[in-house]
Amino acid sequence: MISKVSYKRDMAAKRKGRRKNRKIKFSEKNYIEKNYMKRGKAIIPVKLEKISDLYMEHDYKQMELADSVCDYIEEIAYMIPINTDIVLEIHCPRVDEEEQSKIKKSIKNNYGIEIDDVDYDLSVNNMKSVVMLIVGLIILLINVLTEDLSRFLGYFISVAWWVAIWDLLEIQFGENTEAKWKRLNYQQLYDATITFVFDDEENE
């Protein structure tokens, strides 16, 4: 006889399974269109209680953007199509034109650095790929030339060749593909238009 406890547990597991596999009516495209798109551009609003919130906490010169600000911007930008122009709309207390220029420069520099880092990673990966290709071809040549040697040695060489080629493919179609998409996102943010909406204007 099945106890009430085990019956309830089984039913809860079944409901959980149904929830997991249930299709939901959610469209990321519609979500972006509704909440961020305006006249063909993606508007990402950035709320700053004070200008220092834009920068890392202990950044005396206020040059490095805060991780929380970058994470927020990049999370939204990730959902926006690459060919869409982005406007970073800074909502903050009123600042003069000199401060506005500094903020714009800081944001540009931040994503310029990110692009440079990705470019460096891609160049390193491409060098690794060339090395792996050369190593793979050398091992393949050795494999062909030593075909008549012991079966164990031939098996070992075959495995080494496949490992080299597999690493090459993983770098090119895994790491590099992801890095290139990141670069496109960073380039999109680097090219973003930066506008300001001041608190006193919003309260009018």
N, C-alpha and C. Protein backbone atom coordinates (compact mmCIF):
# COMPACT_ATOMS: atom_id res chain seq x y z
N MET A 1 0.85 -1.20 0.00
CA MET A 1 0.00 0.00 0.00
C MET A 1 0.89 1.26 0.00
N ILE A 2 0.54 2.21 -0.85
CA ILE A 2 1.35 3.43 -0.99
C ILE A 2 0.96 4.42 0.09
N SER A 3 1.95 4.94 0.82
CA SER A 3 1.68 5.93 1.86
C SER A 3 1.36 7.28 1.24
N LYS A 4 0.67 8.11 2.03
CA LYS A 4 0.32 9.45 1.54
C LYS A 4 1.57 10.28 1.25
N VAL A 5 2.60 10.09 2.07
CA VAL A 5 3.83 10.86 1.90
C VAL A 5 4.51 10.54 0.57
N SER A 6 4.64 9.22 0.28
CA SER A 6 5.29 8.83 -0.97
C SER A 6 4.44 9.22 -2.18
N TYR A 7 3.10 9.16 -2.02
CA TYR A 7 2.20 9.55 -3.12
C TYR A 7 2.37 11.03 -3.44
N LYS A 8 2.40 11.85 -2.37
CA LYS A 8 2.58 13.30 -2.58
C LYS A 8 3.92 13.59 -3.21
N ARG A 9 4.96 12.84 -2.80
CA ARG A 9 6.30 13.04 -3.35
C ARG A 9 6.32 12.71 -4.84
N ASP A 10 5.66 11.59 -5.21
CA ASP A 10 5.58 11.19 -6.62
C ASP A 10 4.84 12.22 -7.45
N MET A 11 3.74 12.73 -6.92
CA MET A 11 2.94 13.72 -7.65
C MET A 11 3.72 15.02 -7.82
N ALA A 12 4.45 15.41 -6.76
CA ALA A 12 5.27 16.64 -6.85
C ALA A 12 6.35 16.49 -7.90
N ALA A 13 6.96 15.29 -7.97
CA ALA A 13 8.00 15.04 -8.98
C ALA A 13 7.42 15.11 -10.38
N LYS A 14 6.21 14.58 -10.56
CA LYS A 14 5.57 14.62 -11.88
C LYS A 14 5.23 16.05 -12.29
N ARG A 15 4.72 16.83 -11.32
CA ARG A 15 4.40 18.24 -11.63
C ARG A 15 5.66 19.02 -11.98
N LYS A 16 6.73 18.71 -11.25
CA LYS A 16 8.01 19.37 -11.52
C LYS A 16 8.49 19.04 -12.93
N GLY A 17 8.34 17.76 -13.33
CA GLY A 17 8.73 17.34 -14.67
C GLY A 17 7.93 18.04 -15.74
N ARG A 18 6.61 18.20 -15.49
CA ARG A 18 5.76 18.89 -16.47
C ARG A 18 6.15 20.35 -16.59
N ARG A 19 6.47 20.98 -15.43
CA ARG A 19 6.89 22.39 -15.47
C ARG A 19 8.18 22.55 -16.25
N LYS A 20 9.10 21.60 -16.06
CA LYS A 20 10.39 21.68 -16.71
C LYS A 20 10.25 21.62 -18.23
N ASN A 21 9.36 20.79 -18.72
CA ASN A 21 9.23 20.56 -20.16
C ASN A 21 8.16 21.42 -20.82
N ARG A 22 7.45 22.22 -20.00
CA ARG A 22 6.35 23.01 -20.54
C ARG A 22 6.88 24.14 -21.41
N LYS A 23 6.27 24.33 -22.55
CA LYS A 23 6.66 25.44 -23.42
C LYS A 23 6.09 26.74 -22.86
N ILE A 24 6.89 27.80 -22.93
CA ILE A 24 6.42 29.09 -22.45
C ILE A 24 6.34 30.07 -23.61
N LYS A 25 5.42 31.01 -23.49
CA LYS A 25 5.24 32.00 -24.54
C LYS A 25 6.08 33.23 -24.20
N PHE A 26 7.37 33.14 -24.50
CA PHE A 26 8.26 34.26 -24.25
C PHE A 26 9.16 34.45 -25.45
N SER A 27 9.26 35.68 -25.92
CA SER A 27 10.12 36.00 -27.05
C SER A 27 11.11 37.08 -26.62
N GLU A 28 12.39 36.73 -26.67
CA GLU A 28 13.43 37.69 -26.31
C GLU A 28 13.37 38.90 -27.25
N LYS A 29 13.09 38.64 -28.53
CA LYS A 29 13.01 39.72 -29.51
C LYS A 29 11.90 40.70 -29.14
N ASN A 30 10.71 40.16 -28.79
CA ASN A 30 9.59 41.02 -28.41
C ASN A 30 9.89 41.79 -27.13
N TYR A 31 10.59 41.12 -26.20
CA TYR A 31 10.96 41.76 -24.94
C TYR A 31 11.86 42.97 -25.19
N ILE A 32 12.85 42.80 -26.06
CA ILE A 32 13.76 43.90 -26.40
C ILE A 32 13.00 45.01 -27.13
N GLU A 33 12.16 44.61 -28.09
CA GLU A 33 11.38 45.59 -28.86
C GLU A 33 10.52 46.45 -27.93
N LYS A 34 9.88 45.81 -26.97
CA LYS A 34 8.95 46.50 -26.09
C LYS A 34 9.66 47.40 -25.09
N ASN A 35 10.77 46.94 -24.54
CA ASN A 35 11.39 47.63 -23.41
C ASN A 35 12.59 48.51 -23.76
N TYR A 36 13.23 48.25 -24.89
CA TYR A 36 14.48 48.97 -25.16
C TYR A 36 14.55 49.65 -26.53
N MET A 37 13.72 49.26 -27.47
CA MET A 37 13.83 49.82 -28.82
C MET A 37 13.03 51.12 -28.95
N LYS A 38 13.62 52.09 -29.62
CA LYS A 38 12.96 53.37 -29.87
C LYS A 38 13.51 53.96 -31.16
N ARG A 39 12.64 54.13 -32.13
CA ARG A 39 13.01 54.67 -33.44
C ARG A 39 14.22 53.93 -34.05
N GLY A 40 14.19 52.62 -33.97
CA GLY A 40 15.22 51.80 -34.61
C GLY A 40 16.51 51.66 -33.85
N LYS A 41 16.59 52.27 -32.66
CA LYS A 41 17.79 52.17 -31.84
C LYS A 41 17.46 51.53 -30.50
N ALA A 42 18.46 50.88 -29.92
CA ALA A 42 18.28 50.27 -28.61
C ALA A 42 18.74 51.25 -27.54
N ILE A 43 17.82 51.63 -26.66
CA ILE A 43 18.13 52.57 -25.59
C ILE A 43 18.38 51.77 -24.30
N ILE A 44 19.60 51.88 -23.77
CA ILE A 44 19.92 51.23 -22.49
C ILE A 44 20.04 52.34 -21.44
N PRO A 45 19.04 52.45 -20.54
CA PRO A 45 19.12 53.49 -19.51
C PRO A 45 20.03 53.05 -18.36
N VAL A 46 20.87 53.96 -17.92
CA VAL A 46 21.79 53.68 -16.81
C VAL A 46 21.53 54.70 -15.71
N LYS A 47 21.01 54.23 -14.58
CA LYS A 47 20.66 55.12 -13.48
C LYS A 47 21.84 55.26 -12.52
N LEU A 48 22.26 56.52 -12.28
CA LEU A 48 23.34 56.80 -11.34
C LEU A 48 22.82 57.77 -10.27
N GLU A 49 22.83 57.32 -9.01
CA GLU A 49 22.43 58.22 -7.93
C GLU A 49 23.44 59.35 -7.79
N LYS A 50 24.69 59.01 -8.01
CA LYS A 50 25.76 60.00 -8.03
C LYS A 50 26.79 59.55 -9.07
N ILE A 51 27.53 60.47 -9.63
CA ILE A 51 28.45 60.16 -10.72
C ILE A 51 29.49 59.12 -10.31
N SER A 52 29.90 59.16 -9.05
CA SER A 52 30.92 58.20 -8.59
C SER A 52 30.45 56.75 -8.69
N ASP A 53 29.11 56.53 -8.76
CA ASP A 53 28.58 55.16 -8.90
C ASP A 53 29.01 54.52 -10.22
N LEU A 54 29.39 55.35 -11.19
CA LEU A 54 29.81 54.83 -12.49
C LEU A 54 31.15 54.12 -12.41
N TYR A 55 31.97 54.51 -11.42
CA TYR A 55 33.35 54.03 -11.37
C TYR A 55 33.57 53.02 -10.24
N MET A 56 34.68 52.30 -10.33
CA MET A 56 35.05 51.36 -9.28
C MET A 56 35.24 52.11 -7.97
N GLU A 57 34.90 51.44 -6.88
CA GLU A 57 34.79 52.10 -5.57
C GLU A 57 36.06 52.84 -5.16
N HIS A 58 37.21 52.24 -5.36
CA HIS A 58 38.45 52.85 -4.87
C HIS A 58 39.27 53.52 -5.99
N ASP A 59 38.60 53.80 -7.11
CA ASP A 59 39.29 54.42 -8.23
C ASP A 59 39.36 55.93 -8.01
N TYR A 60 40.49 56.39 -7.49
CA TYR A 60 40.65 57.80 -7.12
C TYR A 60 40.50 58.71 -8.35
N LYS A 61 41.06 58.28 -9.49
CA LYS A 61 41.02 59.11 -10.69
C LYS A 61 39.72 58.96 -11.48
N GLN A 62 38.87 58.04 -11.04
CA GLN A 62 37.60 57.77 -11.71
C GLN A 62 37.80 57.54 -13.22
N MET A 63 38.47 56.43 -13.49
CA MET A 63 38.75 56.05 -14.88
C MET A 63 38.15 54.68 -15.23
N GLU A 64 38.08 53.77 -14.23
CA GLU A 64 37.64 52.41 -14.49
C GLU A 64 36.16 52.25 -14.13
N LEU A 65 35.36 51.73 -15.08
CA LEU A 65 33.93 51.56 -14.82
C LEU A 65 33.69 50.46 -13.79
N ALA A 66 32.67 50.66 -12.95
CA ALA A 66 32.31 49.67 -11.93
C ALA A 66 31.83 48.38 -12.60
N ASP A 67 32.18 47.25 -12.02
CA ASP A 67 31.77 45.95 -12.57
C ASP A 67 30.26 45.84 -12.68
N SER A 68 29.55 46.36 -11.67
CA SER A 68 28.08 46.25 -11.67
C SER A 68 27.47 47.00 -12.85
N VAL A 69 28.04 48.16 -13.18
CA VAL A 69 27.55 48.95 -14.32
C VAL A 69 27.83 48.21 -15.63
N CYS A 70 29.05 47.69 -15.77
CA CYS A 70 29.42 46.96 -16.99
C CYS A 70 28.56 45.70 -17.17
N ASP A 71 28.38 44.96 -16.07
CA ASP A 71 27.58 43.73 -16.14
C ASP A 71 26.16 44.04 -16.59
N TYR A 72 25.58 45.09 -16.04
CA TYR A 72 24.21 45.49 -16.40
C TYR A 72 24.12 45.86 -17.88
N ILE A 73 25.02 46.71 -18.34
CA ILE A 73 25.01 47.15 -19.74
C ILE A 73 25.21 45.97 -20.68
N GLU A 74 26.20 45.14 -20.38
CA GLU A 74 26.55 44.02 -21.27
C GLU A 74 25.47 42.95 -21.31
N GLU A 75 24.77 42.76 -20.18
CA GLU A 75 23.70 41.76 -20.15
C GLU A 75 22.57 42.14 -21.09
N ILE A 76 22.24 43.42 -21.14
CA ILE A 76 21.19 43.88 -22.05
C ILE A 76 21.71 43.89 -23.49
N ALA A 77 22.93 44.40 -23.67
CA ALA A 77 23.51 44.48 -25.02
C ALA A 77 23.61 43.10 -25.66
N TYR A 78 23.85 42.07 -24.85
CA TYR A 78 23.95 40.70 -25.37
C TYR A 78 22.68 40.27 -26.10
N MET A 79 21.52 40.80 -25.67
CA MET A 79 20.24 40.42 -26.28
C MET A 79 19.91 41.26 -27.51
N ILE A 80 20.63 42.34 -27.70
CA ILE A 80 20.32 43.26 -28.81
C ILE A 80 21.04 42.80 -30.08
N PRO A 81 20.33 42.74 -31.22
CA PRO A 81 20.97 42.33 -32.47
C PRO A 81 22.23 43.17 -32.77
N ILE A 82 23.25 42.50 -33.30
CA ILE A 82 24.56 43.14 -33.53
C ILE A 82 24.47 44.36 -34.45
N ASN A 83 23.56 44.33 -35.42
CA ASN A 83 23.49 45.43 -36.39
C ASN A 83 22.63 46.60 -35.90
N THR A 84 22.22 46.57 -34.62
CA THR A 84 21.39 47.63 -34.06
C THR A 84 22.26 48.64 -33.31
N ASP A 85 22.03 49.93 -33.58
CA ASP A 85 22.76 50.98 -32.86
C ASP A 85 22.28 51.06 -31.42
N ILE A 86 23.21 51.29 -30.52
CA ILE A 86 22.88 51.38 -29.09
C ILE A 86 23.07 52.81 -28.61
N VAL A 87 22.16 53.24 -27.77
CA VAL A 87 22.28 54.54 -27.09
C VAL A 87 22.34 54.25 -25.58
N LEU A 88 23.44 54.66 -24.95
CA LEU A 88 23.54 54.56 -23.50
C LEU A 88 23.01 55.86 -22.92
N GLU A 89 21.87 55.76 -22.23
CA GLU A 89 21.18 56.94 -21.72
C GLU A 89 21.49 57.06 -20.22
N ILE A 90 22.37 57.98 -19.87
CA ILE A 90 22.82 58.13 -18.49
C ILE A 90 21.87 59.05 -17.72
N HIS A 91 21.18 58.49 -16.73
CA HIS A 91 20.29 59.26 -15.86
C HIS A 91 21.07 59.58 -14.59
N CYS A 92 21.32 60.86 -14.35
CA CYS A 92 22.21 61.23 -13.24
C CYS A 92 21.95 62.67 -12.81
N PRO A 93 22.56 63.09 -11.69
CA PRO A 93 22.50 64.51 -11.33
C PRO A 93 23.17 65.35 -12.43
N ARG A 94 22.80 66.59 -12.52
CA ARG A 94 23.32 67.46 -13.59
C ARG A 94 24.84 67.60 -13.51
N VAL A 95 25.49 67.46 -14.66
CA VAL A 95 26.94 67.66 -14.75
C VAL A 95 27.23 68.57 -15.94
N ASP A 96 28.37 69.24 -15.87
CA ASP A 96 28.72 70.16 -16.96
C ASP A 96 29.28 69.39 -18.15
N GLU A 97 29.55 70.10 -19.23
CA GLU A 97 29.99 69.46 -20.47
C GLU A 97 31.34 68.78 -20.32
N GLU A 98 32.20 69.36 -19.48
CA GLU A 98 33.51 68.76 -19.25
C GLU A 98 33.37 67.37 -18.60
N GLU A 99 32.48 67.28 -17.62
CA GLU A 99 32.24 65.99 -16.94
C GLU A 99 31.58 65.00 -17.89
N GLN A 100 30.69 65.49 -18.74
CA GLN A 100 30.04 64.62 -19.74
C GLN A 100 31.09 64.02 -20.68
N SER A 101 32.02 64.88 -21.11
CA SER A 101 33.09 64.40 -22.00
C SER A 101 33.94 63.34 -21.32
N LYS A 102 34.21 63.55 -20.03
CA LYS A 102 35.01 62.60 -19.26
C LYS A 102 34.29 61.25 -19.16
N ILE A 103 32.99 61.30 -18.89
CA ILE A 103 32.19 60.06 -18.79
C ILE A 103 32.20 59.32 -20.12
N LYS A 104 31.98 60.05 -21.20
CA LYS A 104 31.98 59.43 -22.52
C LYS A 104 33.33 58.78 -22.82
N LYS A 105 34.39 59.48 -22.48
CA LYS A 105 35.74 58.96 -22.72
C LYS A 105 35.99 57.71 -21.88
N SER A 106 35.53 57.71 -20.63
CA SER A 106 35.72 56.55 -19.74
C SER A 106 35.01 55.32 -20.30
N ILE A 107 33.80 55.52 -20.79
CA ILE A 107 33.04 54.39 -21.35
C ILE A 107 33.71 53.88 -22.62
N LYS A 108 34.13 54.79 -23.48
CA LYS A 108 34.84 54.39 -24.71
C LYS A 108 36.12 53.63 -24.37
N ASN A 109 36.89 54.16 -23.42
CA ASN A 109 38.14 53.51 -23.03
C ASN A 109 37.89 52.11 -22.48
N ASN A 110 36.84 51.98 -21.67
CA ASN A 110 36.52 50.68 -21.08
C ASN A 110 36.31 49.62 -22.16
N TYR A 111 35.50 49.95 -23.15
CA TYR A 111 35.21 48.96 -24.19
C TYR A 111 36.33 48.86 -25.22
N GLY A 112 37.13 49.92 -25.34
CA GLY A 112 38.34 49.83 -26.17
C GLY A 112 39.32 48.82 -25.58
N ILE A 113 39.47 48.86 -24.24
CA ILE A 113 40.34 47.90 -23.56
C ILE A 113 39.81 46.48 -23.73
N GLU A 114 38.49 46.32 -23.59
CA GLU A 114 37.89 44.98 -23.75
C GLU A 114 38.15 44.43 -25.15
N ILE A 115 38.00 45.29 -26.16
CA ILE A 115 38.25 44.87 -27.54
C ILE A 115 39.71 44.48 -27.72
N ASP A 116 40.60 45.28 -27.15
CA ASP A 116 42.04 44.99 -27.25
C ASP A 116 42.37 43.65 -26.58
N ASP A 117 41.74 43.38 -25.43
CA ASP A 117 41.96 42.10 -24.74
C ASP A 117 41.49 40.92 -25.58
N VAL A 118 40.33 41.07 -26.21
CA VAL A 118 39.80 39.98 -27.05
C VAL A 118 40.70 39.78 -28.27
N ASP A 119 41.16 40.88 -28.87
CA ASP A 119 42.07 40.78 -30.01
C ASP A 119 43.35 40.03 -29.63
N TYR A 120 43.85 40.31 -28.43
CA TYR A 120 45.05 39.62 -27.95
C TYR A 120 44.77 38.12 -27.79
N ASP A 121 43.64 37.80 -27.17
CA ASP A 121 43.26 36.38 -26.99
C ASP A 121 43.13 35.67 -28.34
N LEU A 122 42.54 36.36 -29.31
CA LEU A 122 42.38 35.76 -30.64
C LEU A 122 43.73 35.51 -31.30
N SER A 123 44.65 36.47 -31.13
CA SER A 123 45.98 36.30 -31.74
C SER A 123 46.72 35.13 -31.10
N VAL A 124 46.60 35.00 -29.77
CA VAL A 124 47.23 33.87 -29.07
C VAL A 124 46.61 32.55 -29.53
N ASN A 125 45.28 32.53 -29.63
CA ASN A 125 44.59 31.32 -30.08
C ASN A 125 44.98 30.94 -31.50
N ASN A 126 45.15 31.94 -32.35
CA ASN A 126 45.55 31.65 -33.74
C ASN A 126 46.97 31.07 -33.79
N MET A 127 47.85 31.58 -32.91
CA MET A 127 49.21 31.03 -32.84
C MET A 127 49.17 29.58 -32.34
N LYS A 128 48.33 29.32 -31.34
CA LYS A 128 48.16 27.96 -30.83
C LYS A 128 47.66 27.03 -31.93
N SER A 129 46.70 27.55 -32.73
CA SER A 129 46.12 26.75 -33.81
C SER A 129 47.18 26.35 -34.83
N VAL A 130 48.05 27.32 -35.18
CA VAL A 130 49.13 27.05 -36.14
C VAL A 130 50.07 25.98 -35.59
N VAL A 131 50.42 26.11 -34.29
CA VAL A 131 51.30 25.12 -33.66
C VAL A 131 50.65 23.75 -33.66
N MET A 132 49.36 23.69 -33.28
CA MET A 132 48.63 22.42 -33.26
C MET A 132 48.55 21.79 -34.65
N LEU A 133 48.35 22.64 -35.66
CA LEU A 133 48.27 22.13 -37.03
C LEU A 133 49.60 21.53 -37.45
N ILE A 134 50.69 22.25 -37.16
CA ILE A 134 52.03 21.76 -37.52
C ILE A 134 52.34 20.45 -36.79
N VAL A 135 52.05 20.45 -35.47
CA VAL A 135 52.29 19.24 -34.67
C VAL A 135 51.46 18.08 -35.19
N GLY A 136 50.18 18.36 -35.49
CA GLY A 136 49.30 17.32 -36.00
C GLY A 136 49.80 16.73 -37.31
N LEU A 137 50.25 17.60 -38.22
CA LEU A 137 50.75 17.13 -39.52
C LEU A 137 52.05 16.33 -39.37
N ILE A 138 52.92 16.78 -38.46
CA ILE A 138 54.18 16.05 -38.22
C ILE A 138 53.88 14.65 -37.66
N ILE A 139 52.96 14.61 -36.67
CA ILE A 139 52.60 13.30 -36.08
C ILE A 139 51.94 12.41 -37.12
N LEU A 140 51.10 13.00 -37.98
CA LEU A 140 50.46 12.21 -39.04
C LEU A 140 51.51 11.65 -39.99
N LEU A 141 52.51 12.47 -40.34
CA LEU A 141 53.59 12.01 -41.22
C LEU A 141 54.36 10.86 -40.58
N ILE A 142 54.65 11.04 -39.26
CA ILE A 142 55.35 9.96 -38.53
C ILE A 142 54.51 8.70 -38.53
N ASN A 143 53.23 8.87 -38.35
CA ASN A 143 52.30 7.73 -38.34
C ASN A 143 52.33 6.97 -39.65
N VAL A 144 52.37 7.72 -40.75
CA VAL A 144 52.41 7.09 -42.08
C VAL A 144 53.74 6.36 -42.30
N LEU A 145 54.83 7.03 -41.88
CA LEU A 145 56.17 6.45 -42.10
C LEU A 145 56.46 5.26 -41.19
N THR A 146 55.80 5.18 -40.05
CA THR A 146 56.07 4.08 -39.10
C THR A 146 54.91 3.08 -39.06
N GLU A 147 54.19 2.98 -40.15
CA GLU A 147 53.01 2.10 -40.20
C GLU A 147 53.38 0.63 -39.92
N ASP A 148 54.59 0.26 -40.27
CA ASP A 148 54.99 -1.15 -40.13
C ASP A 148 55.56 -1.46 -38.75
N LEU A 149 55.66 -0.43 -37.87
CA LEU A 149 56.18 -0.67 -36.53
C LEU A 149 55.12 -1.33 -35.65
N SER A 150 55.42 -1.48 -34.40
CA SER A 150 54.51 -2.19 -33.49
C SER A 150 53.14 -1.53 -33.44
N ARG A 151 52.14 -2.34 -33.21
CA ARG A 151 50.75 -1.86 -33.18
C ARG A 151 50.56 -0.81 -32.07
N PHE A 152 51.21 -1.03 -30.92
CA PHE A 152 51.07 -0.11 -29.79
C PHE A 152 51.60 1.28 -30.14
N LEU A 153 52.77 1.33 -30.77
CA LEU A 153 53.35 2.61 -31.15
C LEU A 153 52.45 3.33 -32.17
N GLY A 154 51.96 2.56 -33.12
CA GLY A 154 51.06 3.14 -34.14
C GLY A 154 49.80 3.70 -33.51
N TYR A 155 49.25 2.96 -32.54
CA TYR A 155 48.03 3.42 -31.85
C TYR A 155 48.32 4.71 -31.08
N PHE A 156 49.46 4.76 -30.39
CA PHE A 156 49.85 5.93 -29.60
C PHE A 156 49.99 7.16 -30.51
N ILE A 157 50.63 6.98 -31.66
CA ILE A 157 50.83 8.10 -32.59
C ILE A 157 49.50 8.58 -33.15
N SER A 158 48.60 7.64 -33.46
CA SER A 158 47.27 7.99 -33.99
C SER A 158 46.50 8.84 -32.98
N VAL A 159 46.55 8.42 -31.70
CA VAL A 159 45.86 9.17 -30.64
C VAL A 159 46.45 10.58 -30.52
N ALA A 160 47.78 10.68 -30.55
CA ALA A 160 48.44 11.98 -30.42
C ALA A 160 48.03 12.91 -31.57
N TRP A 161 47.93 12.34 -32.78
CA TRP A 161 47.54 13.13 -33.94
C TRP A 161 46.11 13.66 -33.78
N TRP A 162 45.21 12.79 -33.34
CA TRP A 162 43.82 13.19 -33.17
C TRP A 162 43.67 14.24 -32.06
N VAL A 163 44.45 14.10 -31.00
CA VAL A 163 44.40 15.08 -29.90
C VAL A 163 44.82 16.46 -30.41
N ALA A 164 45.88 16.52 -31.21
CA ALA A 164 46.36 17.79 -31.75
C ALA A 164 45.31 18.43 -32.65
N ILE A 165 44.70 17.64 -33.52
CA ILE A 165 43.67 18.17 -34.44
C ILE A 165 42.42 18.58 -33.66
N TRP A 166 42.05 17.77 -32.66
CA TRP A 166 40.87 18.09 -31.85
C TRP A 166 41.06 19.42 -31.11
N ASP A 167 42.26 19.63 -30.55
CA ASP A 167 42.55 20.90 -29.87
C ASP A 167 42.47 22.07 -30.84
N LEU A 168 42.95 21.86 -32.05
CA LEU A 168 42.89 22.89 -33.09
C LEU A 168 41.43 23.26 -33.37
N LEU A 169 40.58 22.26 -33.56
CA LEU A 169 39.17 22.51 -33.86
C LEU A 169 38.46 23.18 -32.68
N GLU A 170 38.80 22.76 -31.48
CA GLU A 170 38.19 23.35 -30.29
C GLU A 170 38.53 24.83 -30.16
N ILE A 171 39.78 25.16 -30.48
CA ILE A 171 40.20 26.56 -30.41
C ILE A 171 39.48 27.39 -31.47
N GLN A 172 39.47 26.88 -32.71
CA GLN A 172 38.91 27.65 -33.82
C GLN A 172 37.39 27.77 -33.76
N PHE A 173 36.71 26.67 -33.45
CA PHE A 173 35.25 26.68 -33.50
C PHE A 173 34.60 26.83 -32.13
N GLY A 174 35.40 26.79 -31.06
CA GLY A 174 34.87 26.98 -29.73
C GLY A 174 35.29 28.32 -29.16
N GLU A 175 36.54 28.38 -28.73
CA GLU A 175 37.04 29.60 -28.07
C GLU A 175 37.01 30.82 -28.99
N ASN A 176 37.45 30.65 -30.23
CA ASN A 176 37.52 31.80 -31.13
C ASN A 176 36.13 32.31 -31.53
N THR A 177 35.19 31.38 -31.73
CA THR A 177 33.83 31.79 -32.09
C THR A 177 33.22 32.62 -30.97
N GLU A 178 33.38 32.15 -29.74
CA GLU A 178 32.86 32.89 -28.58
C GLU A 178 33.55 34.25 -28.45
N ALA A 179 34.86 34.26 -28.64
CA ALA A 179 35.62 35.52 -28.53
C ALA A 179 35.19 36.53 -29.60
N LYS A 180 34.91 36.05 -30.80
CA LYS A 180 34.50 36.95 -31.90
C LYS A 180 33.14 37.57 -31.60
N TRP A 181 32.22 36.78 -31.02
CA TRP A 181 30.91 37.33 -30.65
C TRP A 181 31.07 38.37 -29.55
N LYS A 182 31.94 38.08 -28.58
CA LYS A 182 32.22 39.06 -27.53
C LYS A 182 32.75 40.35 -28.12
N ARG A 183 33.66 40.21 -29.07
CA ARG A 183 34.26 41.39 -29.69
C ARG A 183 33.20 42.24 -30.39
N LEU A 184 32.28 41.58 -31.07
CA LEU A 184 31.20 42.30 -31.76
C LEU A 184 30.34 43.07 -30.75
N ASN A 185 30.04 42.43 -29.60
CA ASN A 185 29.27 43.10 -28.56
C ASN A 185 30.02 44.31 -28.01
N TYR A 186 31.32 44.13 -27.75
CA TYR A 186 32.12 45.24 -27.23
C TYR A 186 32.24 46.37 -28.26
N GLN A 187 32.38 46.01 -29.54
CA GLN A 187 32.47 47.01 -30.59
C GLN A 187 31.17 47.80 -30.68
N GLN A 188 30.05 47.08 -30.52
CA GLN A 188 28.74 47.72 -30.54
C GLN A 188 28.62 48.74 -29.40
N LEU A 189 29.13 48.40 -28.23
CA LEU A 189 29.09 49.32 -27.09
C LEU A 189 30.11 50.44 -27.23
N TYR A 190 31.26 50.13 -27.84
CA TYR A 190 32.27 51.16 -28.08
C TYR A 190 31.71 52.24 -29.02
N ASP A 191 30.92 51.81 -29.99
CA ASP A 191 30.35 52.74 -30.97
C ASP A 191 29.05 53.39 -30.48
N ALA A 192 28.60 53.03 -29.28
CA ALA A 192 27.31 53.53 -28.78
C ALA A 192 27.31 55.06 -28.63
N THR A 193 26.15 55.62 -28.87
CA THR A 193 25.94 57.04 -28.58
C THR A 193 25.64 57.18 -27.09
N ILE A 194 26.24 58.17 -26.45
CA ILE A 194 26.03 58.37 -25.02
C ILE A 194 25.30 59.69 -24.81
N THR A 195 24.13 59.61 -24.19
CA THR A 195 23.33 60.81 -23.92
C THR A 195 23.09 60.93 -22.41
N PHE A 196 22.65 62.11 -21.99
CA PHE A 196 22.43 62.36 -20.56
C PHE A 196 21.01 62.86 -20.32
N VAL A 197 20.39 62.31 -19.28
CA VAL A 197 19.10 62.80 -18.81
C VAL A 197 19.32 63.15 -17.34
N PHE A 198 19.15 64.43 -17.00
CA PHE A 198 19.47 64.88 -15.65
C PHE A 198 18.26 64.75 -14.74
N ASP A 199 18.52 64.52 -13.47
CA ASP A 199 17.46 64.25 -12.50
C ASP A 199 16.43 65.37 -12.46
N ASP A 200 16.87 66.63 -12.52
CA ASP A 200 15.92 67.74 -12.43
C ASP A 200 15.01 67.80 -13.66
N GLU A 201 15.53 67.33 -14.82
CA GLU A 201 14.70 67.29 -16.03
C GLU A 201 13.64 66.21 -15.91
N GLU A 202 14.01 65.06 -15.31
CA GLU A 202 13.06 63.97 -15.16
C GLU A 202 11.93 64.34 -14.19
N ASN A 203 12.24 65.18 -13.22
CA ASN A 203 11.23 65.53 -12.19
C ASN A 203 10.32 66.67 -12.61
N GLU A 204 10.62 67.28 -13.75
CA GLU A 204 9.79 68.40 -14.19
C GLU A 204 8.43 67.91 -14.68
